[in-house]
C-alpha cells in the first residue's frame, strides 16, 4: 500500500494532544489496559517519560494519503521465551474514524521491515481477550498466539491478557552465545594418519569437555585453494612453500562421517569449513551449520552452495572490505540463504589486541540485520570473547590445540584445552551478568526497594483533617519497615491538602490519605 507512510512522533504537546484524543475514545478505553480517561496535565509528563523509552524505535504516526490515521508505540522487553533475542513490544491505536477498514493490518505489515532493520528479532503484542478487532489485525499481519495469561497492574490488580508474537528472524542454533572450538588443521601433527585421526578425536573430547557447542575442522584440497606456484607466505615462511604445506594438511574425506559420528556420541556439533564444491558435497550430509572462511568471501560458488543448503551459515570477514561483506550478504540472501552470522575477524596470526576492531560486531547487526560473531585470533584465552559478548555477539570461534609445541601453522597462537574451558566459563558468566537489558526492579532488589527507597513519610502523628506540610508533618525519607509513601514527585499534590484519616509517625502517605 504505497499510500501508507510513517511520521516520527515528536515529544511535543501538539502530538501528545492527538494521541490522548484517540486514546480517550470510548471504544479504545474499553479495550485498553487502563480504562480511565487521561487528562492532559498528567498525561503529558507520562508521554515524555515513557513513550520514547525504546532504545532504538521511536513512536510513529501512520499516515494514509497524507493524513494521520494511527499511532504506534514501542517498548524494549525481555524475550518472552527466555532466549537471547532482541525484543520489543508494540501497541497500535487506529483513529476512531479509520477503524474497520483493514488499515491496522496493513500498518503492522509495513512496519515489520523497519523494526527488523534495527536488529529486533521478535515483536510482542498484549491484547485483551475481548478485543476481537485487534486480535484479527495482528493475526492477519502474521502474529501467532504465544500464551493466555494475566497482566499485573501497578495497582496490584490483575487482568486477563493474550500475548501474540511475531518472529522477525529465523530460529537460532542456540539460545545463548554459540561457541565454536576451532580445531582447524591442528589435528595434523604427524606423517602417520592413524595418529592424526586419534588427535582429531582427542580434540573432540577436549571441546566437549569444555562444553563448547561445536568443534570445527577444515576440509580443503590444495589444488582448489592456491595456484601451484604460490610461493611462501610471510608469516609461514619457516614452513616453506604454501602449496606443499596445504597438501600436507588435507583431511581425508572418509574421516568426515567418522568424526561426525564421534561428535554425536560426545554430544557436540560437528562442523567443517569447505573450500570448494567438492568439499561441500563431502561435508554437507554431516553438518547442521556451514562455515565460509575469510578468504573465500569473494567466491560466489561457495556462497551459493551455503545459501542453497538452507542451513545456518557463518561467514568470516577477515581481510575483507565493507564492500566485500555487503556483496557477500546480498549474494547469500539473493540465493535464499537463511540464518546468516557475520564473523568479525582479523586476518593476522596472532592478532594484536589493538587490531580486533570489535565495534564491527554491532555495526554488522545494524547495517545488515543479521547475527554477528567473533572469530578470535588473539592470544589471550578469553578477554576478546568477554568483550564481544558484552557487545551482543551471537557466536565465538577460537582456535585451540592439544599442545602448542606440535608442528603446524596454527598451533602457536591456539589456546590449550584448559584455557578453552576457562573461555567457555567466562562467556557463560558474562551472559549472566548482561541479563536482558530491560531496566526494572529485580526480585533480588525488592527488600531494599521497600525498605530504603524514599517516599513521602509522616514525621509526626497526623490527625484526621490536619493539613499536610512539608518539613512539619511530612518529609521525603526512607521508610525502613514502615509502609512506603508515594513517590516524592507528587509532593506538590499533597502539600496543603488535608488528611482523610489518622496517620501514625513514620507511615507513608498514600493517595487515598489525601
Protein backbone atom coordinates (compact mmCIF):
# COMPACT_ATOMS: atom_id res chain seq x y z
CA UNK A 1 0.00 0.00 0.00
CA UNK A 2 2.08 2.88 -1.35
CA UNK A 3 -0.24 5.50 0.12
CA UNK A 4 0.73 4.38 3.65
CA UNK A 5 3.67 6.24 5.17
CA UNK A 6 5.11 6.84 8.64
CA UNK A 7 5.92 10.03 10.54
CA UNK A 8 8.08 10.28 13.65
CA UNK A 9 6.15 11.39 16.74
CA UNK A 10 7.83 14.36 18.43
CA UNK A 11 7.94 15.00 22.21
CA UNK A 12 5.64 18.00 21.94
CA UNK A 13 2.14 18.90 23.21
CA UNK A 14 0.68 19.04 19.70
CA UNK A 15 1.44 15.36 19.10
CA UNK A 16 0.51 14.36 22.66
CA UNK A 17 -2.90 16.00 22.16
CA UNK A 18 -3.61 13.91 19.05
CA UNK A 19 -2.70 10.72 20.89
CA UNK A 20 -4.71 11.46 24.04
CA UNK A 21 -7.78 12.31 21.96
CA UNK A 22 -7.59 8.95 20.17
CA UNK A 23 -6.83 7.15 23.42
CA UNK A 24 -9.81 8.67 25.23
CA UNK A 25 -12.22 7.39 22.62
CA UNK A 26 -14.84 5.24 24.36
CA UNK A 27 -14.09 2.06 22.37
CA UNK A 28 -10.33 2.47 22.86
CA UNK A 29 -10.73 2.88 26.62
CA UNK A 30 -12.81 -0.29 26.84
CA UNK A 31 -10.09 -2.30 25.09
CA UNK A 32 -7.16 -0.65 26.92
CA UNK A 33 -5.31 -1.97 29.97
CA UNK A 34 -6.07 1.30 31.78
CA UNK A 35 -9.74 2.13 31.19
CA UNK A 36 -9.84 5.55 32.80
CA UNK A 37 -9.69 8.66 30.53
CA UNK A 38 -6.40 10.56 30.61
CA UNK A 39 -6.10 14.24 31.47
CA UNK A 40 -3.57 16.28 29.53
CA UNK A 41 -1.88 17.72 32.63
CA UNK A 42 -0.96 14.27 33.92
CA UNK A 43 -0.66 12.56 30.52
CA UNK A 44 1.94 14.89 29.01
CA UNK A 45 4.69 14.11 31.59
CA UNK A 46 3.88 10.38 31.17
CA UNK A 47 4.08 10.83 27.37
CA UNK A 48 7.53 12.43 27.61
CA UNK A 49 8.88 9.83 30.07
CA UNK A 50 7.53 6.56 28.72
CA UNK A 51 6.51 6.90 25.09
CA UNK A 52 10.11 7.41 23.92
CA UNK A 53 11.70 4.70 26.09
CA UNK A 54 12.62 2.13 23.39
CA UNK A 55 16.38 2.17 22.82
CA UNK A 56 16.14 2.48 19.02
CA UNK A 57 12.49 2.61 17.97
CA UNK A 58 10.76 5.98 18.17
CA UNK A 59 6.94 6.27 18.32
CA UNK A 60 5.30 6.78 14.95
CA UNK A 61 2.18 8.11 13.30
CA UNK A 62 0.88 6.06 10.38
CA UNK A 63 -0.33 8.34 7.61
CA UNK A 64 -2.72 7.42 4.79
CA UNK A 65 -2.90 9.78 1.82
CA UNK A 66 -1.00 12.29 3.98
CA UNK A 67 -3.42 12.15 6.91
CA UNK A 68 -2.51 10.76 10.34
CA UNK A 69 -4.64 7.68 10.96
CA UNK A 70 -2.88 5.68 13.70
CA UNK A 71 -0.27 5.79 16.43
CA UNK A 72 2.43 3.16 17.07
CA UNK A 73 4.40 2.84 20.29
CA UNK A 74 7.36 0.54 21.04
CA UNK A 75 8.99 -0.65 24.25
CA UNK A 76 12.05 -2.84 24.81
CA UNK A 77 11.07 -6.05 26.63
CA UNK A 78 12.79 -9.28 27.69
CA UNK A 79 12.47 -12.21 25.32
CA UNK A 80 9.19 -13.84 26.45
CA UNK A 81 10.66 -17.28 25.75
CA UNK A 82 13.82 -16.67 27.76
CA UNK A 83 16.19 -16.71 24.77
CA UNK A 84 18.89 -14.16 23.97
CA UNK A 85 16.91 -12.27 21.35
CA UNK A 86 16.32 -8.57 20.92
CA UNK A 87 12.61 -7.99 21.52
CA UNK A 88 10.16 -5.12 21.58
CA UNK A 89 6.52 -4.75 22.50
CA UNK A 90 4.23 -2.93 20.10
CA UNK A 91 0.91 -1.18 20.65
CA UNK A 92 -1.24 0.39 17.95
CA UNK A 93 -4.14 2.81 18.19
CA UNK A 94 -6.07 3.47 14.97
CA UNK A 95 -8.07 6.72 15.00
CA UNK A 96 -11.80 6.10 15.55
CA UNK A 97 -12.91 7.16 12.07
CA UNK A 98 -10.43 4.80 10.37
CA UNK A 99 -11.26 1.56 12.15
CA UNK A 100 -12.73 -1.44 10.34
CA UNK A 101 -11.00 -0.66 7.04
CA UNK A 102 -8.12 -3.16 7.30
CA UNK A 103 -5.61 -0.36 7.81
CA UNK A 104 -4.38 -1.75 11.14
CA UNK A 105 -3.23 -4.99 9.50
CA UNK A 106 -1.51 -3.11 6.69
CA UNK A 107 0.28 -0.82 9.14
CA UNK A 108 1.52 -3.83 11.14
CA UNK A 109 2.77 -5.49 7.95
CA UNK A 110 4.51 -2.38 6.64
CA UNK A 111 6.32 -1.64 9.91
CA UNK A 112 7.97 -5.06 10.19
CA UNK A 113 10.95 -4.35 7.92
CA UNK A 114 11.66 -1.10 9.80
CA UNK A 115 11.72 -2.88 13.18
CA UNK A 116 13.89 -5.68 11.76
CA UNK A 117 16.33 -3.10 10.36
CA UNK A 118 17.23 -2.13 13.92
CA UNK A 119 18.19 -5.70 14.80
CA UNK A 120 15.00 -6.78 16.58
CA UNK A 121 14.25 -10.50 16.33
CA UNK A 122 10.86 -10.63 17.96
CA UNK A 123 7.78 -8.38 18.40
CA UNK A 124 5.31 -8.91 21.24
CA UNK A 125 1.74 -7.62 21.50
CA UNK A 126 -0.51 -7.90 24.55
CA UNK A 127 -4.25 -7.82 23.78
CA UNK A 128 -7.36 -8.13 25.91
CA UNK A 129 -9.29 -11.33 25.06
CA UNK A 130 -12.42 -9.31 24.18
CA UNK A 131 -10.52 -7.07 21.73
CA UNK A 132 -11.53 -9.06 18.65
CA UNK A 133 -10.62 -6.31 16.18
CA UNK A 134 -7.03 -6.01 17.37
CA UNK A 135 -6.56 -9.78 17.53
CA UNK A 136 -7.76 -10.10 13.94
CA UNK A 137 -5.40 -7.31 12.77
CA UNK A 138 -2.37 -8.87 14.45
CA UNK A 139 -3.23 -12.38 13.24
CA UNK A 140 -3.63 -11.14 9.66
CA UNK A 141 -0.21 -9.48 9.98
CA UNK A 142 1.39 -12.84 10.85
CA UNK A 143 1.37 -12.74 14.65
CA UNK A 144 0.84 -16.03 16.49
CA UNK A 145 -0.76 -16.57 19.89
CA UNK A 146 2.01 -17.34 22.38
CA UNK A 147 0.06 -17.68 25.61
CA UNK A 148 -3.05 -16.68 27.53
CA UNK A 149 -2.28 -15.25 30.94
CA UNK A 150 -2.65 -12.28 33.24
CA UNK A 151 -1.05 -8.85 33.46
CA UNK A 152 -0.42 -7.27 36.85
CA UNK A 153 -1.10 -3.53 37.01
CA UNK A 154 0.73 -1.07 39.25
CA UNK A 155 -2.37 -1.02 41.46
CA UNK A 156 -1.92 -4.73 42.16
CA UNK A 157 -4.96 -5.67 40.09
CA UNK A 158 -4.56 -8.46 37.51
CA UNK A 159 -6.42 -8.59 34.20
CA UNK A 160 -6.52 -11.40 31.57
CA UNK A 161 -4.32 -10.80 28.52
CA UNK A 162 -3.38 -12.71 25.39
CA UNK A 163 0.20 -12.42 24.14
CA UNK A 164 0.84 -12.51 20.41
CA UNK A 165 4.31 -12.74 18.89
CA UNK A 166 5.95 -12.21 15.52
CA UNK A 167 9.30 -13.77 14.64
CA UNK A 168 11.35 -11.35 12.54
CA UNK A 169 14.40 -13.60 12.19
CA UNK A 170 14.83 -17.29 11.63
CA UNK A 171 15.44 -19.57 14.57
CA UNK A 172 18.93 -19.55 16.03
CA UNK A 173 21.21 -22.51 16.59
CA UNK A 174 21.38 -21.79 20.31
CA UNK A 175 19.63 -19.73 22.97
CA UNK A 176 22.99 -18.40 24.16
CA UNK A 177 26.33 -17.49 22.60
CA UNK A 178 27.24 -20.27 20.17
CA UNK A 179 30.79 -21.36 21.00
CA UNK A 180 32.85 -23.00 18.26
CA UNK A 181 36.11 -24.70 19.18
CA UNK A 182 38.22 -24.24 16.05
CA UNK A 183 40.35 -27.36 15.53
CA UNK A 184 41.30 -26.23 12.02
CA UNK A 185 44.24 -28.31 10.92
CA UNK A 186 45.72 -28.69 14.41
CA UNK A 187 44.91 -32.40 14.28
CA UNK A 188 47.70 -32.84 11.71
CA UNK A 189 50.79 -33.45 13.84
CA UNK A 190 52.43 -36.41 12.10
CA UNK A 191 53.02 -38.26 8.84
CA UNK A 192 51.07 -41.11 10.46
CA UNK A 193 47.36 -40.68 9.61
CA UNK A 194 46.22 -43.05 12.36
CA UNK A 195 47.91 -40.79 14.88
CA UNK A 196 46.35 -37.74 13.25
CA UNK A 197 42.86 -39.27 13.38
CA UNK A 198 43.40 -40.12 17.05
CA UNK A 199 44.44 -36.48 17.67
CA UNK A 200 41.26 -35.24 15.96
CA UNK A 201 39.18 -37.45 18.27
CA UNK A 202 41.09 -36.21 21.32
CA UNK A 203 40.33 -32.66 20.22
CA UNK A 204 36.61 -33.54 20.05
CA UNK A 205 36.90 -34.92 23.59
CA UNK A 206 38.52 -31.68 24.79
CA UNK A 207 35.93 -29.44 23.12
CA UNK A 208 33.06 -31.50 24.52
CA UNK A 209 34.60 -31.45 28.00
CA UNK A 210 34.87 -27.66 27.78
CA UNK A 211 31.11 -27.58 26.92
CA UNK A 212 31.55 -25.91 23.56
CA UNK A 213 28.57 -26.05 21.21
CA UNK A 214 30.57 -27.19 18.20
CA UNK A 215 34.01 -28.23 17.05
CA UNK A 216 35.06 -27.15 13.58
CA UNK A 217 37.64 -28.66 11.26
CA UNK A 218 38.62 -27.57 7.74
CA UNK A 219 38.08 -29.57 4.56
CA UNK A 220 40.18 -28.48 1.57
CA UNK A 221 42.38 -29.59 -1.29
CA UNK A 222 45.47 -27.59 -2.22
CA UNK A 223 44.62 -27.58 -5.94
CA UNK A 224 41.33 -25.83 -5.13
CA UNK A 225 42.96 -23.20 -2.90
CA UNK A 226 46.20 -21.87 -4.40
CA UNK A 227 47.93 -21.66 -7.74
CA UNK A 228 50.74 -24.26 -7.81
CA UNK A 229 53.49 -21.64 -7.78
CA UNK A 230 52.03 -19.53 -4.95
CA UNK A 231 55.37 -19.43 -3.13
CA UNK A 232 55.82 -18.71 0.56
CA UNK A 233 53.62 -16.76 2.98
CA UNK A 234 55.45 -14.27 5.17
CA UNK A 235 54.08 -15.49 8.48
CA UNK A 236 54.57 -19.15 7.48
CA UNK A 237 57.90 -18.73 5.72
CA UNK A 238 59.62 -21.20 8.05
CA UNK A 239 57.25 -23.89 6.82
CA UNK A 240 58.18 -23.41 3.18
CA UNK A 241 56.05 -23.39 0.06
CA UNK A 242 52.37 -22.76 0.92
CA UNK A 243 51.08 -25.19 -1.72
CA UNK A 244 53.10 -28.07 -0.29
CA UNK A 245 52.08 -27.14 3.25
CA UNK A 246 48.38 -27.13 2.37
CA UNK A 247 48.70 -30.55 0.74
CA UNK A 248 50.08 -31.97 3.99
CA UNK A 249 47.09 -30.59 5.91
CA UNK A 250 44.36 -32.07 3.68
CA UNK A 251 41.81 -34.01 5.72
CA UNK A 252 40.76 -37.32 4.09
CA UNK A 253 37.11 -37.18 3.02
CA UNK A 254 36.48 -40.60 4.56
CA UNK A 255 37.20 -39.16 8.02
CA UNK A 256 34.22 -36.80 7.86
CA UNK A 257 31.49 -39.35 8.55
CA UNK A 258 33.60 -40.95 11.30
CA UNK A 259 34.35 -37.67 13.06
CA UNK A 260 30.70 -36.61 12.73
CA UNK A 261 29.59 -39.87 14.34
CA UNK A 262 32.10 -39.42 17.17
CA UNK A 263 30.82 -35.86 17.75
CA UNK A 264 27.28 -37.19 18.09
CA UNK A 265 28.47 -39.63 20.72
CA UNK A 266 30.12 -36.74 22.60
CA UNK A 267 27.01 -34.52 22.17
CA UNK A 268 28.80 -31.73 20.31
CA UNK A 269 28.08 -30.40 16.82
CA UNK A 270 30.49 -31.39 14.06
CA UNK A 271 31.42 -28.61 11.64
CA UNK A 272 33.96 -28.24 8.86
CA UNK A 273 34.75 -25.26 6.64
CA UNK A 274 34.54 -26.11 2.94
CA UNK A 275 36.68 -24.52 0.25
CA UNK A 276 35.31 -26.00 -2.98
CA UNK A 277 32.09 -27.57 -4.32
CA UNK A 278 33.70 -30.99 -3.88
CA UNK A 279 34.43 -30.21 -0.21
CA UNK A 280 30.84 -29.03 0.23
CA UNK A 281 29.42 -32.27 -1.19
CA UNK A 282 31.62 -34.27 1.16
CA UNK A 283 30.63 -32.47 4.37
CA UNK A 284 27.05 -31.25 3.75
CA UNK A 285 25.34 -34.53 4.77
CA UNK A 286 27.12 -34.46 8.13
CA UNK A 287 26.78 -30.86 9.33
CA UNK A 288 23.95 -28.73 10.69
CA UNK A 289 25.84 -25.46 10.05
CA UNK A 290 28.15 -24.25 7.31
CA UNK A 291 31.20 -22.00 7.58
CA UNK A 292 32.82 -19.91 4.87
CA UNK A 293 36.35 -18.75 5.65
CA UNK A 294 37.52 -15.15 5.36
CA UNK A 295 39.47 -15.51 2.13
CA UNK A 296 36.55 -17.27 0.39
CA UNK A 297 34.16 -14.32 0.89
CA UNK A 298 34.63 -13.31 -2.77
CA UNK A 299 33.76 -16.77 -4.15
CA UNK A 300 30.14 -16.77 -5.40
CA UNK A 301 30.03 -20.55 -5.86
CA UNK A 302 30.74 -21.21 -2.19
CA UNK A 303 28.22 -18.59 -1.05
CA UNK A 304 25.54 -20.04 -3.34
CA UNK A 305 26.16 -23.56 -2.03
CA UNK A 306 25.86 -22.48 1.60
CA UNK A 307 22.73 -20.47 0.86
CA UNK A 308 21.06 -23.26 -1.09
CA UNK A 309 21.62 -25.71 1.76
CA UNK A 310 19.12 -23.81 3.93
CA UNK A 311 21.42 -24.36 6.91
CA UNK A 312 22.67 -21.64 9.28
CA UNK A 313 25.86 -20.20 7.84
CA UNK A 314 28.82 -18.38 9.38
CA UNK A 315 30.91 -16.14 7.11
CA UNK A 316 34.22 -14.81 8.43
CA UNK A 317 35.24 -11.35 7.24
CA UNK A 318 38.99 -11.13 7.89
CA UNK A 319 40.91 -9.06 5.32
CA UNK A 320 37.59 -8.10 3.70
CA UNK A 321 36.42 -4.60 2.84
CA UNK A 322 32.94 -3.39 3.71
CA UNK A 323 32.12 -3.63 0.00
CA UNK A 324 33.19 -7.30 0.02
CA UNK A 325 30.95 -8.00 3.01
CA UNK A 326 27.99 -6.14 1.51
CA UNK A 327 28.30 -8.09 -1.74
CA UNK A 328 28.54 -11.42 0.10
CA UNK A 329 25.46 -10.69 2.23
CA UNK A 330 23.40 -9.66 -0.81
CA UNK A 331 24.57 -12.73 -2.73
CA UNK A 332 23.75 -15.04 0.16
CA UNK A 333 20.20 -13.79 0.65
CA UNK A 334 19.57 -13.44 -3.09
CA UNK A 335 20.09 -17.21 -3.28
CA UNK A 336 17.57 -17.76 -0.47
CA UNK A 337 20.09 -18.19 2.31
CA UNK A 338 18.91 -18.16 5.91
CA UNK A 339 20.35 -17.83 9.42
CA UNK A 340 23.43 -15.77 8.48
CA UNK A 341 26.09 -14.85 11.04
CA UNK A 342 28.88 -12.46 10.01
CA UNK A 343 32.06 -13.16 11.97
CA UNK A 344 34.33 -10.20 12.68
CA UNK A 345 37.85 -11.49 12.17
CA UNK A 346 41.34 -10.01 11.97
CA UNK A 347 43.46 -11.86 9.43
CA UNK A 348 46.78 -11.93 11.22
CA UNK A 349 48.14 -14.73 13.38
CA UNK A 350 48.20 -13.95 16.23
CA UNK A 351 46.10 -10.80 16.15
CA UNK A 352 47.19 -7.98 18.45
CA UNK A 353 44.64 -6.59 20.91
CA UNK A 354 44.56 -3.25 19.10
CA UNK A 355 43.67 -4.90 15.78
CA UNK A 356 40.49 -6.72 16.80
CA UNK A 357 38.07 -3.88 15.91
CA UNK A 358 35.24 -5.35 17.97
CA UNK A 359 32.91 -2.42 17.31
CA UNK A 360 32.29 -4.01 13.91
CA UNK A 361 30.10 -6.54 15.77
CA UNK A 362 27.16 -4.14 16.44
CA UNK A 363 27.87 -2.45 13.09
CA UNK A 364 27.08 -5.71 11.25
CA UNK A 365 23.88 -6.16 13.26
CA UNK A 366 22.64 -2.65 12.46
CA UNK A 367 23.71 -2.46 8.82
CA UNK A 368 22.68 -5.91 7.66
CA UNK A 369 20.11 -7.01 10.26
CA UNK A 370 21.97 -10.29 10.79
CA UNK A 371 23.64 -12.02 13.70
CA UNK A 372 27.28 -11.20 14.28
CA UNK A 373 30.13 -13.17 15.76
CA UNK A 374 33.84 -13.10 16.52
CA UNK A 375 36.49 -15.35 15.06
CA UNK A 376 39.21 -14.57 17.58
CA UNK A 377 42.87 -14.89 16.62
CA UNK A 378 44.22 -13.04 19.67
CA UNK A 379 46.45 -14.88 22.14
CA UNK A 380 44.54 -14.23 25.37
CA UNK A 381 42.21 -17.18 26.10
CA UNK A 382 39.03 -15.24 26.80
CA UNK A 383 39.50 -11.46 27.00
CA UNK A 384 38.23 -10.71 23.48
CA UNK A 385 35.37 -13.19 23.85
CA UNK A 386 34.08 -11.48 27.00
CA UNK A 387 34.23 -8.06 25.31
CA UNK A 388 32.43 -9.46 22.25
CA UNK A 389 29.65 -10.97 24.37
CA UNK A 390 29.15 -7.58 26.02
CA UNK A 391 28.71 -6.10 22.53
CA UNK A 392 25.91 -8.52 21.73
CA UNK A 393 27.80 -11.16 19.79
CA UNK A 394 25.95 -14.34 18.81
CA UNK A 395 28.88 -16.69 18.12
CA UNK A 396 32.50 -17.05 19.23
CA UNK A 397 35.10 -19.08 17.36
CA UNK A 398 38.53 -19.74 18.88
CA UNK A 399 41.47 -21.87 17.69
CA UNK A 400 42.65 -24.48 20.17
CA UNK A 401 45.26 -27.23 20.24
CA UNK A 402 46.26 -30.10 22.46
CA UNK A 403 49.86 -28.88 22.58
CA UNK A 404 51.38 -25.63 21.28
CA UNK A 405 54.67 -27.39 20.61
CA UNK A 406 53.06 -29.52 17.88
CA UNK A 407 54.15 -28.66 14.36
CA UNK A 408 51.62 -26.76 12.27
CA UNK A 409 50.70 -23.26 11.06
CA UNK A 410 48.08 -22.51 13.75
CA UNK A 411 49.48 -24.27 16.82
CA UNK A 412 51.46 -21.38 18.30
CA UNK A 413 48.54 -18.93 18.64
CA UNK A 414 45.95 -21.55 19.66
CA UNK A 415 44.76 -21.93 23.24
CA UNK A 416 45.09 -25.12 25.26
CA UNK A 417 42.18 -27.35 26.42
CA UNK A 418 42.21 -25.94 29.97
CA UNK A 419 42.16 -22.41 28.52
CA UNK A 420 39.26 -23.39 26.29
CA UNK A 421 37.36 -24.42 29.42
CA UNK A 422 38.19 -21.05 31.03
CA UNK A 423 36.90 -19.26 27.92
CA UNK A 424 33.56 -21.09 27.98
CA UNK A 425 33.09 -20.33 31.69
CA UNK A 426 33.97 -16.66 31.12
CA UNK A 427 31.44 -16.40 28.27
CA UNK A 428 28.64 -18.04 30.23
CA UNK A 429 29.29 -15.90 33.32
CA UNK A 430 29.31 -12.77 31.17
CA UNK A 431 25.94 -13.77 29.71
CA UNK A 432 24.53 -13.99 33.23
CA UNK A 433 25.92 -10.55 34.08
CA UNK A 434 24.34 -8.98 30.98
CA UNK A 435 20.80 -10.01 31.88
CA UNK A 436 18.10 -9.00 29.42
CA UNK A 437 18.80 -5.27 29.09
CA UNK A 438 15.45 -4.15 30.48
CA UNK A 439 15.73 -1.83 33.49
CA UNK A 440 13.30 -2.75 36.23
CA UNK A 441 13.25 -3.62 39.93
CA UNK A 442 14.68 -7.12 40.18
CA UNK A 443 13.38 -9.72 42.64
CA UNK A 444 16.74 -9.51 44.43
CA UNK A 445 16.18 -5.77 44.99
CA UNK A 446 12.63 -5.87 46.31
CA UNK A 447 13.55 -5.91 50.01
CA UNK A 448 15.62 -2.73 49.80
CA UNK A 449 13.19 -1.23 47.28
CA UNK A 450 10.60 -1.31 50.06
CA UNK A 451 13.00 -0.58 52.93
CA UNK A 452 15.32 2.14 51.60
CA UNK A 453 13.64 3.82 48.62
CA UNK A 454 12.49 7.30 49.63
CA UNK A 455 8.84 8.20 49.79
CA UNK A 456 6.63 10.84 51.42
CA UNK A 457 6.56 9.80 55.09
CA UNK A 458 4.88 11.20 58.24
CA UNK A 459 7.45 12.71 60.63
CA UNK A 460 4.89 13.05 63.41
CA UNK A 461 1.45 11.73 64.14
CA UNK A 462 -1.07 13.39 61.80
CA UNK A 463 -4.69 13.78 62.85
CA UNK A 464 -7.66 13.36 60.51
CA UNK A 465 -8.34 16.73 58.84
CA UNK A 466 -4.83 18.06 59.54
CA UNK A 467 -3.11 19.92 56.68
CA UNK A 468 -0.05 18.22 55.14
CA UNK A 469 3.02 20.49 55.41
CA UNK A 470 6.46 19.57 54.13
CA UNK A 471 9.05 19.76 56.92
CA UNK A 472 6.39 19.99 59.63
CA UNK A 473 4.46 16.74 59.48
CA UNK A 474 5.72 15.10 56.22
CA UNK A 475 9.17 14.69 54.64
CA UNK A 476 10.98 12.75 51.92
CA UNK A 477 12.59 9.88 53.84
CA UNK A 478 13.46 6.20 53.66
CA UNK A 479 10.64 4.20 55.28
CA UNK A 480 12.53 1.25 56.76
CA UNK A 481 9.91 -1.21 57.97
CA UNK A 482 7.12 1.39 57.82
CA UNK A 483 4.72 1.45 54.85
CA UNK A 484 6.36 3.26 51.96
CA UNK A 485 4.78 6.53 50.88
CA UNK A 486 4.04 7.75 47.39
CA UNK A 487 6.78 8.98 45.07
CA UNK A 488 8.19 12.39 46.08
CA UNK A 489 7.36 13.73 42.60
CA UNK A 490 3.77 14.00 43.86
CA UNK A 491 4.75 16.17 46.83
CA UNK A 492 3.21 19.28 45.30
CA UNK A 493 -0.08 17.40 45.00
CA UNK A 494 -0.05 16.66 48.75
CA UNK A 495 1.17 19.99 50.11
CA UNK A 496 -1.72 21.96 51.65
CA UNK A 497 -4.24 19.13 51.37
CA UNK A 498 -5.90 17.52 54.42
CA UNK A 499 -5.55 14.02 55.83
CA UNK A 500 -8.58 11.76 55.42
CA UNK A 501 -7.54 9.57 58.36
CA UNK A 502 -5.27 9.46 61.36
CA UNK A 503 -1.69 8.65 60.24
CA UNK A 504 0.93 7.26 62.60
CA UNK A 505 4.51 8.51 62.92
CA UNK A 506 6.68 7.03 60.14
CA UNK A 507 3.82 5.88 57.93
CA UNK A 508 3.95 6.56 54.20
CA UNK A 509 1.35 8.95 52.80
CA UNK A 510 -0.87 7.30 50.16
CA UNK A 511 -3.14 8.91 47.56
CA UNK A 512 -6.16 7.61 49.47
CA UNK A 513 -4.98 9.61 52.52
CA UNK A 514 -5.40 12.95 50.76
